[in-house]
């Protein structure tokens, strides 16, 4: 079956995990795995797998535009600010895995169809991908006054890109909660837990609501969980929804599929799963 070529810029944890998912995709193949460091372990691993690689980063795509139709940017927010206008000029469908928020947000369970009409979509953050679908579901059946989410991930699963983008993480996640979640006020917190052995990714949602219909909330959240599990199989609600003292609480756990990093790195898995879901949907339309 013919496939659509995708380029990956960024050869760290997220880029390497993306590569493994792209390699087993029915609709995608990796046209180039692009970094900038000759010492990149990600590039060395990709070369061993027979994947085309380059140390010339986005400049390779500029000089060889036919290498890919889709580009995953797995660098950093500041780097994507420079890459975005180049990729736009080249006419590449760009999926941004940094919290740069240059293009509109896409959380596939919430607004996948709208993302197909854009040229650059932003995958928010791991915390955003985990919590926005449930906040969106609750806001449809209850008057949610305020939402606070806490994303707790293993320190060992947070690479350089994640650590360099902590401020962007909190701001971008907050913006996605209000914009896609359909609420007026929100706050996002991220915790890098250094515990050994490393903890599995957990997210907690706290939502303030006046006299919510908990039966309707449970139904809506349950439906959202099942839809999300179609592309993030190891996503599950482990607490609630429960209502106490004017607050709805939901606990979420995301276990990684172990494509690149161990299973505790669900924070990587959920954002790369979302990115591939977007790319495959785009590719299917191109192949039809």
Protein backbone atom coordinates (compact mmCIF):
# COMPACT_ATOMS: atom_id res chain seq x y z
CA UNK A 1 0.00 0.00 0.00
CA UNK A 2 1.27 3.46 -0.88
CA UNK A 3 2.14 5.60 2.12
CA UNK A 4 2.58 9.32 2.80
CA UNK A 5 6.11 10.39 3.71
CA UNK A 6 6.61 12.21 6.99
CA UNK A 7 9.65 14.11 8.19
CA UNK A 8 10.60 14.29 11.85
CA UNK A 9 12.62 17.26 13.10
CA UNK A 10 14.08 16.58 16.53
CA UNK A 11 15.85 13.37 17.45
CA UNK A 12 15.41 13.34 21.23
CA UNK A 13 12.91 11.39 23.31
CA UNK A 14 9.78 12.60 21.54
CA UNK A 15 11.25 12.39 18.04
CA UNK A 16 12.59 8.89 18.66
CA UNK A 17 9.24 7.70 20.03
CA UNK A 18 7.48 9.23 17.03
CA UNK A 19 9.82 7.39 14.68
CA UNK A 20 8.88 4.00 16.13
CA UNK A 21 5.17 4.77 15.74
CA UNK A 22 5.59 6.05 12.17
CA UNK A 23 7.56 2.94 11.21
CA UNK A 24 4.65 0.67 12.10
CA UNK A 25 1.96 2.92 10.63
CA UNK A 26 -0.25 1.63 7.84
CA UNK A 27 -0.39 5.08 6.24
CA UNK A 28 2.94 6.78 7.04
CA UNK A 29 6.62 6.24 6.34
CA UNK A 30 9.59 8.28 7.53
CA UNK A 31 11.09 10.32 4.69
CA UNK A 32 13.73 11.96 6.86
CA UNK A 33 14.76 11.92 10.53
CA UNK A 34 16.43 15.28 11.03
CA UNK A 35 18.62 16.55 13.83
CA UNK A 36 21.62 18.82 14.20
CA UNK A 37 24.08 16.99 16.42
CA UNK A 38 26.59 14.42 15.12
CA UNK A 39 26.48 12.89 18.61
CA UNK A 40 22.72 12.27 18.48
CA UNK A 41 21.91 8.80 19.77
CA UNK A 42 18.53 9.11 18.09
CA UNK A 43 20.10 9.54 14.67
CA UNK A 44 22.49 6.64 15.28
CA UNK A 45 19.55 4.42 16.20
CA UNK A 46 17.52 5.55 13.20
CA UNK A 47 20.41 4.85 10.84
CA UNK A 48 20.65 1.32 12.23
CA UNK A 49 16.95 0.90 11.44
CA UNK A 50 17.56 1.93 7.84
CA UNK A 51 15.79 5.29 8.15
CA UNK A 52 17.07 8.27 6.08
CA UNK A 53 18.82 10.69 8.47
CA UNK A 54 20.46 14.09 8.39
CA UNK A 55 22.36 16.41 10.74
CA UNK A 56 21.17 19.43 8.76
CA UNK A 57 17.81 19.70 10.54
CA UNK A 58 15.15 21.73 8.72
CA UNK A 59 17.66 22.90 6.12
CA UNK A 60 17.65 19.41 4.64
CA UNK A 61 13.89 19.67 4.06
CA UNK A 62 14.38 23.11 2.48
CA UNK A 63 16.89 21.65 0.03
CA UNK A 64 14.97 18.38 -0.49
CA UNK A 65 11.29 19.34 -0.27
CA UNK A 66 10.12 16.12 -1.89
CA UNK A 67 11.38 14.06 1.06
CA UNK A 68 8.10 14.50 2.93
CA UNK A 69 4.58 15.90 2.80
CA UNK A 70 3.99 15.97 6.56
CA UNK A 71 6.46 17.34 9.11
CA UNK A 72 6.46 16.57 12.83
CA UNK A 73 8.34 19.26 14.76
CA UNK A 74 9.64 17.69 17.98
CA UNK A 75 12.21 20.36 18.83
CA UNK A 76 11.31 23.18 21.24
CA UNK A 77 8.95 26.12 21.32
CA UNK A 78 11.67 28.63 20.40
CA UNK A 79 12.99 26.48 17.56
CA UNK A 80 9.50 25.93 16.16
CA UNK A 81 9.00 29.69 15.99
CA UNK A 82 11.84 29.71 13.45
CA UNK A 83 10.77 26.51 11.68
CA UNK A 84 7.08 27.36 11.24
CA UNK A 85 7.41 30.07 8.53
CA UNK A 86 9.88 27.91 6.59
CA UNK A 87 7.54 24.92 6.62
CA UNK A 88 4.60 27.12 5.67
CA UNK A 89 6.52 28.46 2.68
CA UNK A 90 7.35 24.90 1.65
CA UNK A 91 3.66 23.95 1.86
CA UNK A 92 4.18 21.20 4.44
CA UNK A 93 1.37 20.03 6.69
CA UNK A 94 3.02 20.66 10.06
CA UNK A 95 2.25 18.95 13.35
CA UNK A 96 3.89 20.86 16.19
CA UNK A 97 4.68 18.80 19.30
CA UNK A 98 6.17 21.79 21.13
CA UNK A 99 4.12 24.24 23.23
CA UNK A 100 4.80 27.06 20.75
CA UNK A 101 1.08 27.44 19.85
CA UNK A 102 1.72 29.07 16.49
CA UNK A 103 -0.98 27.02 14.79
CA UNK A 104 -4.38 26.22 16.33
CA UNK A 105 -4.65 23.53 19.00
CA UNK A 106 -5.59 19.98 18.08
CA UNK A 107 -6.69 17.35 20.55
CA UNK A 108 -7.90 14.59 18.20
CA UNK A 109 -10.77 13.42 20.41
CA UNK A 110 -12.12 16.99 20.44
CA UNK A 111 -11.41 18.69 17.09
CA UNK A 112 -9.63 16.39 14.63
CA UNK A 113 -11.77 17.42 11.64
CA UNK A 114 -11.03 21.12 12.09
CA UNK A 115 -7.30 20.36 12.13
CA UNK A 116 -7.47 18.96 8.62
CA UNK A 117 -8.23 22.47 7.31
CA UNK A 118 -5.04 23.98 8.77
CA UNK A 119 -1.40 23.98 7.64
CA UNK A 120 0.14 23.98 11.14
CA UNK A 121 -1.53 22.38 14.16
CA UNK A 122 -0.32 22.38 17.74
CA UNK A 123 -0.54 19.25 19.91
CA UNK A 124 -0.70 21.35 23.09
CA UNK A 125 1.19 19.34 25.74
CA UNK A 126 1.03 15.88 27.29
CA UNK A 127 -1.08 17.29 30.11
CA UNK A 128 -3.35 19.02 27.63
CA UNK A 129 -3.88 15.87 25.58
CA UNK A 130 -4.76 13.98 28.77
CA UNK A 131 -7.12 16.47 30.37
CA UNK A 132 -8.74 18.63 27.69
CA UNK A 133 -11.05 15.82 26.41
CA UNK A 134 -12.53 15.29 29.88
CA UNK A 135 -12.88 19.00 30.60
CA UNK A 136 -14.54 19.42 27.20
CA UNK A 137 -16.94 16.58 28.03
CA UNK A 138 -17.83 18.01 31.45
CA UNK A 139 -18.39 21.53 30.14
CA UNK A 140 -21.05 20.18 27.77
CA UNK A 141 -23.22 18.89 30.62
CA UNK A 142 -22.35 21.15 33.57
CA UNK A 143 -21.59 24.78 34.34
CA UNK A 144 -17.87 24.57 35.14
CA UNK A 145 -16.59 27.73 36.82
CA UNK A 146 -12.88 26.94 37.00
CA UNK A 147 -10.54 24.05 36.23
CA UNK A 148 -7.11 23.26 37.63
CA UNK A 149 -5.05 20.36 36.31
CA UNK A 150 -1.91 18.84 37.78
CA UNK A 151 0.30 16.76 35.48
CA UNK A 152 2.80 14.59 37.35
CA UNK A 153 5.46 12.81 35.32
CA UNK A 154 8.62 10.88 36.07
CA UNK A 155 11.65 13.14 36.09
CA UNK A 156 13.51 10.55 34.07
CA UNK A 157 10.98 10.81 31.24
CA UNK A 158 11.38 14.60 30.94
CA UNK A 159 14.03 15.33 28.32
CA UNK A 160 15.79 18.59 27.54
CA UNK A 161 12.92 19.89 25.44
CA UNK A 162 10.38 19.36 28.23
CA UNK A 163 12.61 20.99 30.83
CA UNK A 164 13.33 23.99 28.62
CA UNK A 165 9.62 24.54 28.03
CA UNK A 166 8.13 24.39 31.55
CA UNK A 167 6.75 27.94 31.38
CA UNK A 168 5.32 27.36 27.91
CA UNK A 169 3.81 24.07 29.12
CA UNK A 170 1.74 25.73 31.83
CA UNK A 171 0.59 28.63 29.65
CA UNK A 172 -0.23 26.54 26.58
CA UNK A 173 -2.10 23.91 28.59
CA UNK A 174 -4.12 26.62 30.32
CA UNK A 175 -5.03 28.19 26.96
CA UNK A 176 -6.13 24.83 25.53
CA UNK A 177 -8.28 24.12 28.59
CA UNK A 178 -10.18 27.36 28.08
CA UNK A 179 -10.26 27.34 24.27
CA UNK A 180 -11.07 23.67 23.62
CA UNK A 181 -12.42 22.80 27.06
CA UNK A 182 -15.05 25.49 26.83
CA UNK A 183 -14.47 27.16 30.20
CA UNK A 184 -13.50 30.69 31.24
CA UNK A 185 -10.82 30.13 33.87
CA UNK A 186 -8.11 27.50 34.19
CA UNK A 187 -4.69 26.79 35.61
CA UNK A 188 -2.11 24.10 34.77
CA UNK A 189 0.67 22.75 36.97
CA UNK A 190 3.42 20.29 36.05
CA UNK A 191 5.43 18.25 38.55
CA UNK A 192 8.61 16.35 37.63
CA UNK A 193 8.75 13.60 40.24
CA UNK A 194 12.27 12.22 40.86
CA UNK A 195 11.05 9.06 42.62
CA UNK A 196 12.80 5.76 41.92
CA UNK A 197 11.51 3.57 40.49
CA UNK A 198 9.96 6.16 38.18
CA UNK A 199 6.25 6.83 38.55
CA UNK A 200 3.69 6.38 35.79
CA UNK A 201 2.23 9.59 34.39
CA UNK A 202 -0.74 10.85 36.41
CA UNK A 203 -3.03 13.80 35.78
CA UNK A 204 -5.58 15.19 38.21
CA UNK A 205 -8.46 17.45 37.21
CA UNK A 206 -10.18 19.68 39.77
CA UNK A 207 -13.30 21.43 38.47
CA UNK A 208 -15.46 23.87 40.41
CA UNK A 209 -19.17 23.51 39.65
CA UNK A 210 -22.47 24.43 41.31
CA UNK A 211 -24.77 21.46 41.87
CA UNK A 212 -23.63 19.42 38.84
CA UNK A 213 -25.57 16.43 37.54
CA UNK A 214 -22.98 13.79 38.38
CA UNK A 215 -24.78 11.07 36.47
CA UNK A 216 -24.49 13.13 33.28
CA UNK A 217 -20.88 14.04 34.03
CA UNK A 218 -19.95 10.39 34.55
CA UNK A 219 -21.61 9.40 31.27
CA UNK A 220 -19.93 12.21 29.32
CA UNK A 221 -16.50 11.55 30.81
CA UNK A 222 -16.85 7.80 30.23
CA UNK A 223 -17.66 8.36 26.55
CA UNK A 224 -14.65 10.66 26.18
CA UNK A 225 -12.38 8.08 27.81
CA UNK A 226 -13.47 5.36 25.38
CA UNK A 227 -12.99 7.62 22.35
CA UNK A 228 -9.54 8.63 23.54
CA UNK A 229 -8.54 5.01 24.08
CA UNK A 230 -8.97 4.38 20.35
CA UNK A 231 -5.63 6.11 19.75
CA UNK A 232 -4.12 6.07 23.27
CA UNK A 233 -4.87 2.48 24.37
CA UNK A 234 -3.24 2.79 27.81
CA UNK A 235 -5.21 5.84 28.90
CA UNK A 236 -7.57 5.26 31.82
CA UNK A 237 -9.50 7.07 34.51
CA UNK A 238 -8.39 5.74 37.89
CA UNK A 239 -10.40 8.05 40.15
CA UNK A 240 -13.91 9.46 39.83
CA UNK A 241 -15.46 11.57 38.72
CA UNK A 242 -16.34 12.36 42.34
CA UNK A 243 -18.03 15.48 43.71
CA UNK A 244 -17.28 16.95 47.12
CA UNK A 245 -17.47 20.49 48.54
CA UNK A 246 -18.30 22.05 45.18
CA UNK A 247 -15.47 20.34 43.34
CA UNK A 248 -15.42 17.53 40.78
CA UNK A 249 -12.20 15.49 40.90
CA UNK A 250 -10.92 13.07 38.24
CA UNK A 251 -7.69 11.09 38.31
CA UNK A 252 -6.07 9.85 35.09
CA UNK A 253 -3.20 7.45 34.47
CA UNK A 254 -1.36 7.07 31.16
CA UNK A 255 0.99 4.13 30.69
CA UNK A 256 3.36 4.28 27.73
CA UNK A 257 3.38 1.61 25.04
CA UNK A 258 7.14 1.18 25.43
CA UNK A 259 7.91 2.06 21.80
CA UNK A 260 11.05 3.97 22.77
CA UNK A 261 11.08 4.71 26.49
CA UNK A 262 9.80 2.49 29.32
CA UNK A 263 6.11 2.22 30.13
CA UNK A 264 6.26 4.89 32.85
CA UNK A 265 6.76 7.57 30.16
CA UNK A 266 3.07 7.96 29.35
CA UNK A 267 3.66 11.69 28.94
CA UNK A 268 5.61 10.96 25.78
CA UNK A 269 3.22 8.32 24.57
CA UNK A 270 0.06 10.41 24.72
CA UNK A 271 1.44 13.33 22.73
CA UNK A 272 3.10 11.16 20.09
CA UNK A 273 -0.06 9.03 19.81
CA UNK A 274 -2.06 12.22 19.26
CA UNK A 275 0.40 13.49 16.65
CA UNK A 276 0.31 10.22 14.71
CA UNK A 277 -3.50 10.14 14.88
CA UNK A 278 -3.57 13.59 13.26
CA UNK A 279 -0.99 12.60 10.64
CA UNK A 280 -2.70 9.33 9.74
CA UNK A 281 -6.04 11.06 9.31
CA UNK A 282 -4.38 13.59 7.01
CA UNK A 283 -2.59 10.82 5.11
CA UNK A 284 -5.76 8.79 4.61
CA UNK A 285 -7.35 11.77 2.91
CA UNK A 286 -4.35 12.15 0.61
CA UNK A 287 -4.35 8.46 -0.28
CA UNK A 288 -8.07 8.23 -1.10
